């Protein structure tokens, strides 16, 4: 009889432990986004957005190649405003400002808890999230939406100008 109770207890413990799938973010390039079927919205939004050229010029002046790095964590299949609008606009501003693609890392994620190579110092709370760092020291971030009455290029410039 004791073996029956032991087997039943083992079965109950084994069945009560569920494992959630564990995802790892995948690094993607701008070229991949621009050429992958199903992501035509990205290039269309990137091309249609017209950032303030004066602010973009100031970003160009503030940007230090190899010193500043830009990190994007996004769920490209999401239809939310942050993904469909802010993400391509952020990329457009950086490209127009002359930011080297080697200083831009884009990670495709299933959710904010996905593992990623910078999780020891960049904490993704929501998607999309944009981080700007200087020599692996976080300067600032944008999570999901912009502050009221600010454009994406204004926020990027403000972050780049931080000491």
C-alpha atoms as a PDB file:
ATOM      1  CA  UNK A   1       0.000   0.000   0.000  1.00  0.00           C
ATOM      2  CA  UNK A   2       2.821   2.430   0.827  1.00  0.00           C
ATOM      3  CA  UNK A   3       4.258   1.996  -2.697  1.00  0.00           C
ATOM      4  CA  UNK A   4       0.892   3.043  -4.162  1.00  0.00           C
ATOM      5  CA  UNK A   5       0.877   6.237  -2.071  1.00  0.00           C
ATOM      6  CA  UNK A   6       4.516   6.904  -3.014  1.00  0.00           C
ATOM      7  CA  UNK A   7       3.764   6.472  -6.730  1.00  0.00           C
ATOM      8  CA  UNK A   8       0.696   8.719  -6.465  1.00  0.00           C
ATOM      9  CA  UNK A   9       2.713  11.436  -4.665  1.00  0.00           C
ATOM     10  CA  UNK A  10       5.446  11.260  -7.320  1.00  0.00           C
ATOM     11  CA  UNK A  11       2.866  11.524 -10.068  1.00  0.00           C
ATOM     12  CA  UNK A  12       1.203  14.554  -8.462  1.00  0.00           C
ATOM     13  CA  UNK A  13       4.500  16.375  -7.946  1.00  0.00           C
ATOM     14  CA  UNK A  14       5.597  15.602 -11.512  1.00  0.00           C
ATOM     15  CA  UNK A  15       2.334  16.828 -12.984  1.00  0.00           C
ATOM     16  CA  UNK A  16       2.183  20.047 -10.995  1.00  0.00           C
ATOM     17  CA  UNK A  17       5.479  21.360 -12.351  1.00  0.00           C
ATOM     18  CA  UNK A  18       4.944  23.001 -15.701  1.00  0.00           C
ATOM     19  CA  UNK A  19       7.738  24.454 -17.747  1.00  0.00           C
ATOM     20  CA  UNK A  20       7.242  27.604 -19.730  1.00  0.00           C
ATOM     21  CA  UNK A  21       9.086  27.765 -23.038  1.00  0.00           C
ATOM     22  CA  UNK A  22      12.293  29.747 -22.795  1.00  0.00           C
ATOM     23  CA  UNK A  23      13.020  32.056 -25.703  1.00  0.00           C
ATOM     24  CA  UNK A  24      16.230  33.754 -26.739  1.00  0.00           C
ATOM     25  CA  UNK A  25      16.174  37.038 -28.639  1.00  0.00           C
ATOM     26  CA  UNK A  26      17.428  36.853 -32.205  1.00  0.00           C
ATOM     27  CA  UNK A  27      19.659  39.588 -33.557  1.00  0.00           C
ATOM     28  CA  UNK A  28      18.367  40.934 -36.865  1.00  0.00           C
ATOM     29  CA  UNK A  29      19.678  43.506 -39.299  1.00  0.00           C
ATOM     30  CA  UNK A  30      17.999  46.415 -41.025  1.00  0.00           C
ATOM     31  CA  UNK A  31      18.524  44.636 -44.323  1.00  0.00           C
ATOM     32  CA  UNK A  32      16.669  41.586 -43.037  1.00  0.00           C
ATOM     33  CA  UNK A  33      13.745  43.754 -41.952  1.00  0.00           C
ATOM     34  CA  UNK A  34      13.688  45.584 -45.266  1.00  0.00           C
ATOM     35  CA  UNK A  35      13.736  42.427 -47.393  1.00  0.00           C
ATOM     36  CA  UNK A  36      11.718  39.871 -45.413  1.00  0.00           C
ATOM     37  CA  UNK A  37       8.222  39.234 -46.761  1.00  0.00           C
ATOM     38  CA  UNK A  38       5.656  40.331 -44.219  1.00  0.00           C
ATOM     39  CA  UNK A  39       7.732  43.257 -42.974  1.00  0.00           C
ATOM     40  CA  UNK A  40       7.048  45.646 -45.858  1.00  0.00           C
ATOM     41  CA  UNK A  41       5.430  47.966 -43.313  1.00  0.00           C
ATOM     42  CA  UNK A  42       8.885  48.582 -41.776  1.00  0.00           C
ATOM     43  CA  UNK A  43      10.520  49.984 -44.911  1.00  0.00           C
ATOM     44  CA  UNK A  44       7.343  51.878 -45.885  1.00  0.00           C
ATOM     45  CA  UNK A  45       7.193  53.628 -42.498  1.00  0.00           C
ATOM     46  CA  UNK A  46      10.928  54.248 -42.468  1.00  0.00           C
ATOM     47  CA  UNK A  47      10.747  55.913 -45.893  1.00  0.00           C
ATOM     48  CA  UNK A  48       7.619  57.951 -45.147  1.00  0.00           C
ATOM     49  CA  UNK A  49       8.851  59.429 -41.858  1.00  0.00           C
ATOM     50  CA  UNK A  50      10.487  62.825 -42.316  1.00  0.00           C
ATOM     51  CA  UNK A  51      12.487  63.701 -39.194  1.00  0.00           C
ATOM     52  CA  UNK A  52      13.425  67.277 -38.339  1.00  0.00           C
ATOM     53  CA  UNK A  53      16.669  67.702 -40.303  1.00  0.00           C
ATOM     54  CA  UNK A  54      18.052  70.314 -37.881  1.00  0.00           C
ATOM     55  CA  UNK A  55      17.680  67.900 -34.949  1.00  0.00           C
ATOM     56  CA  UNK A  56      19.145  65.041 -37.012  1.00  0.00           C
ATOM     57  CA  UNK A  57      22.186  67.243 -37.752  1.00  0.00           C
ATOM     58  CA  UNK A  58      22.631  67.828 -34.006  1.00  0.00           C
ATOM     59  CA  UNK A  59      22.407  64.064 -33.390  1.00  0.00           C
ATOM     60  CA  UNK A  60      25.127  63.607 -36.016  1.00  0.00           C
ATOM     61  CA  UNK A  61      27.334  66.086 -34.127  1.00  0.00           C
ATOM     62  CA  UNK A  62      26.693  64.462 -30.729  1.00  0.00           C
ATOM     63  CA  UNK A  63      27.167  60.870 -31.926  1.00  0.00           C
ATOM     64  CA  UNK A  64      30.579  59.293 -31.356  1.00  0.00           C
ATOM     65  CA  UNK A  65      31.125  56.250 -33.638  1.00  0.00           C
ATOM     66  CA  UNK A  66      32.236  53.182 -31.720  1.00  0.00           C
ATOM     67  CA  UNK A  67      31.524  54.927 -28.412  1.00  0.00           C
ATOM     68  CA  UNK A  68      27.738  55.305 -28.612  1.00  0.00           C
ATOM     69  CA  UNK A  69      25.635  52.198 -29.113  1.00  0.00           C
ATOM     70  CA  UNK A  70      21.934  51.849 -29.773  1.00  0.00           C
ATOM     71  CA  UNK A  71      19.984  48.755 -28.736  1.00  0.00           C
ATOM     72  CA  UNK A  72      16.469  47.925 -29.905  1.00  0.00           C
ATOM     73  CA  UNK A  73      14.313  45.147 -28.458  1.00  0.00           C
ATOM     74  CA  UNK A  74      11.162  44.616 -30.467  1.00  0.00           C
ATOM     75  CA  UNK A  75       8.499  42.100 -31.392  1.00  0.00           C
ATOM     76  CA  UNK A  76       8.347  42.757 -35.169  1.00  0.00           C
ATOM     77  CA  UNK A  77       5.049  40.914 -35.532  1.00  0.00           C
ATOM     78  CA  UNK A  78       3.278  43.237 -33.076  1.00  0.00           C
ATOM     79  CA  UNK A  79       0.804  45.694 -34.586  1.00  0.00           C
ATOM     80  CA  UNK A  80       1.212  48.209 -31.749  1.00  0.00           C
ATOM     81  CA  UNK A  81       2.173  51.848 -32.331  1.00  0.00           C
ATOM     82  CA  UNK A  82       5.610  51.409 -30.761  1.00  0.00           C
ATOM     83  CA  UNK A  83       6.565  48.653 -33.178  1.00  0.00           C
ATOM     84  CA  UNK A  84       4.805  49.907 -36.293  1.00  0.00           C
ATOM     85  CA  UNK A  85       5.772  53.594 -35.943  1.00  0.00           C
ATOM     86  CA  UNK A  86       8.457  54.327 -33.324  1.00  0.00           C
ATOM     87  CA  UNK A  87      10.737  51.446 -34.283  1.00  0.00           C
ATOM     88  CA  UNK A  88      11.126  52.348 -37.986  1.00  0.00           C
ATOM     89  CA  UNK A  89      11.286  56.057 -37.134  1.00  0.00           C
ATOM     90  CA  UNK A  90      14.048  55.450 -34.598  1.00  0.00           C
ATOM     91  CA  UNK A  91      16.015  53.545 -37.246  1.00  0.00           C
ATOM     92  CA  UNK A  92      15.405  56.284 -39.834  1.00  0.00           C
ATOM     93  CA  UNK A  93      16.673  58.987 -37.476  1.00  0.00           C
ATOM     94  CA  UNK A  94      19.825  57.003 -36.708  1.00  0.00           C
ATOM     95  CA  UNK A  95      20.571  56.286 -40.374  1.00  0.00           C
ATOM     96  CA  UNK A  96      19.948  59.900 -41.390  1.00  0.00           C
ATOM     97  CA  UNK A  97      22.284  61.023 -38.580  1.00  0.00           C
ATOM     98  CA  UNK A  98      25.042  58.787 -39.942  1.00  0.00           C
ATOM     99  CA  UNK A  99      25.014  56.212 -37.148  1.00  0.00           C
ATOM    100  CA  UNK A 100      27.023  53.180 -38.242  1.00  0.00           C
ATOM    101  CA  UNK A 101      25.000  49.994 -38.468  1.00  0.00           C
ATOM    102  CA  UNK A 102      27.718  48.370 -36.348  1.00  0.00           C
ATOM    103  CA  UNK A 103      26.612  50.670 -33.485  1.00  0.00           C
ATOM    104  CA  UNK A 104      22.983  49.542 -33.813  1.00  0.00           C
ATOM    105  CA  UNK A 105      21.817  46.203 -32.440  1.00  0.00           C
ATOM    106  CA  UNK A 106      18.247  45.067 -33.089  1.00  0.00           C
ATOM    107  CA  UNK A 107      16.824  42.045 -31.303  1.00  0.00           C
ATOM    108  CA  UNK A 108      13.609  40.295 -32.252  1.00  0.00           C
ATOM    109  CA  UNK A 109      11.810  38.969 -29.185  1.00  0.00           C
ATOM    110  CA  UNK A 110       8.690  36.968 -28.354  1.00  0.00           C
ATOM    111  CA  UNK A 111       8.251  38.840 -25.073  1.00  0.00           C
ATOM    112  CA  UNK A 112      10.100  41.072 -22.637  1.00  0.00           C
ATOM    113  CA  UNK A 113      11.381  38.077 -20.653  1.00  0.00           C
ATOM    114  CA  UNK A 114      13.350  36.562 -23.554  1.00  0.00           C
ATOM    115  CA  UNK A 115      17.041  36.035 -22.901  1.00  0.00           C
ATOM    116  CA  UNK A 116      19.367  38.430 -24.717  1.00  0.00           C
ATOM    117  CA  UNK A 117      23.120  39.064 -24.685  1.00  0.00           C
ATOM    118  CA  UNK A 118      22.900  42.317 -22.685  1.00  0.00           C
ATOM    119  CA  UNK A 119      20.415  41.224 -20.033  1.00  0.00           C
ATOM    120  CA  UNK A 120      23.015  41.699 -17.272  1.00  0.00           C
ATOM    121  CA  UNK A 121      22.836  45.483 -17.759  1.00  0.00           C
ATOM    122  CA  UNK A 122      19.875  46.265 -20.055  1.00  0.00           C
ATOM    123  CA  UNK A 123      16.539  45.362 -18.494  1.00  0.00           C
ATOM    124  CA  UNK A 124      13.687  45.101 -20.977  1.00  0.00           C
ATOM    125  CA  UNK A 125      10.371  45.830 -19.268  1.00  0.00           C
ATOM    126  CA  UNK A 126       8.211  46.148 -22.374  1.00  0.00           C
ATOM    127  CA  UNK A 127       8.449  45.912 -26.134  1.00  0.00           C
ATOM    128  CA  UNK A 128       9.593  47.818 -27.998  1.00  0.00           C
ATOM    129  CA  UNK A 129      12.402  49.257 -25.897  1.00  0.00           C
ATOM    130  CA  UNK A 130      15.219  51.455 -27.156  1.00  0.00           C
ATOM    131  CA  UNK A 131      18.447  51.925 -25.195  1.00  0.00           C
ATOM    132  CA  UNK A 132      21.275  54.359 -25.839  1.00  0.00           C
ATOM    133  CA  UNK A 133      24.632  53.727 -24.184  1.00  0.00           C
ATOM    134  CA  UNK A 134      28.120  55.135 -24.165  1.00  0.00           C
ATOM    135  CA  UNK A 135      30.859  52.561 -23.586  1.00  0.00           C
ATOM    136  CA  UNK A 136      28.331  50.138 -22.078  1.00  0.00           C
ATOM    137  CA  UNK A 137      27.027  52.742 -19.644  1.00  0.00           C
ATOM    138  CA  UNK A 138      23.322  53.328 -20.116  1.00  0.00           C
ATOM    139  CA  UNK A 139      22.551  56.946 -20.965  1.00  0.00           C
ATOM    140  CA  UNK A 140      18.809  56.605 -21.416  1.00  0.00           C
ATOM    141  CA  UNK A 141      15.960  54.621 -22.840  1.00  0.00           C
ATOM    142  CA  UNK A 142      12.577  54.837 -24.496  1.00  0.00           C
ATOM    143  CA  UNK A 143      10.057  52.187 -23.506  1.00  0.00           C
ATOM    144  CA  UNK A 144       6.986  51.824 -25.674  1.00  0.00           C
ATOM    145  CA  UNK A 145       6.051  55.451 -26.161  1.00  0.00           C
ATOM    146  CA  UNK A 146       7.486  58.950 -26.273  1.00  0.00           C
ATOM    147  CA  UNK A 147       7.045  61.724 -23.731  1.00  0.00           C
ATOM    148  CA  UNK A 148       4.226  64.103 -24.639  1.00  0.00           C
ATOM    149  CA  UNK A 149       4.999  66.641 -27.382  1.00  0.00           C
ATOM    150  CA  UNK A 150       8.404  65.133 -28.240  1.00  0.00           C
ATOM    151  CA  UNK A 151       9.559  63.556 -31.473  1.00  0.00           C
ATOM    152  CA  UNK A 152      11.771  60.480 -31.531  1.00  0.00           C
ATOM    153  CA  UNK A 153      14.689  62.583 -32.783  1.00  0.00           C
ATOM    154  CA  UNK A 154      14.288  65.100 -29.936  1.00  0.00           C
ATOM    155  CA  UNK A 155      14.405  62.324 -27.344  1.00  0.00           C
ATOM    156  CA  UNK A 156      17.449  60.694 -28.974  1.00  0.00           C
ATOM    157  CA  UNK A 157      19.276  64.045 -28.985  1.00  0.00           C
ATOM    158  CA  UNK A 158      18.435  64.716 -25.340  1.00  0.00           C
ATOM    159  CA  UNK A 159      19.803  61.302 -24.361  1.00  0.00           C
ATOM    160  CA  UNK A 160      22.989  61.702 -26.436  1.00  0.00           C
ATOM    161  CA  UNK A 161      23.676  65.074 -24.798  1.00  0.00           C
ATOM    162  CA  UNK A 162      23.635  63.633 -21.275  1.00  0.00           C
ATOM    163  CA  UNK A 163      27.012  63.835 -19.549  1.00  0.00           C
END
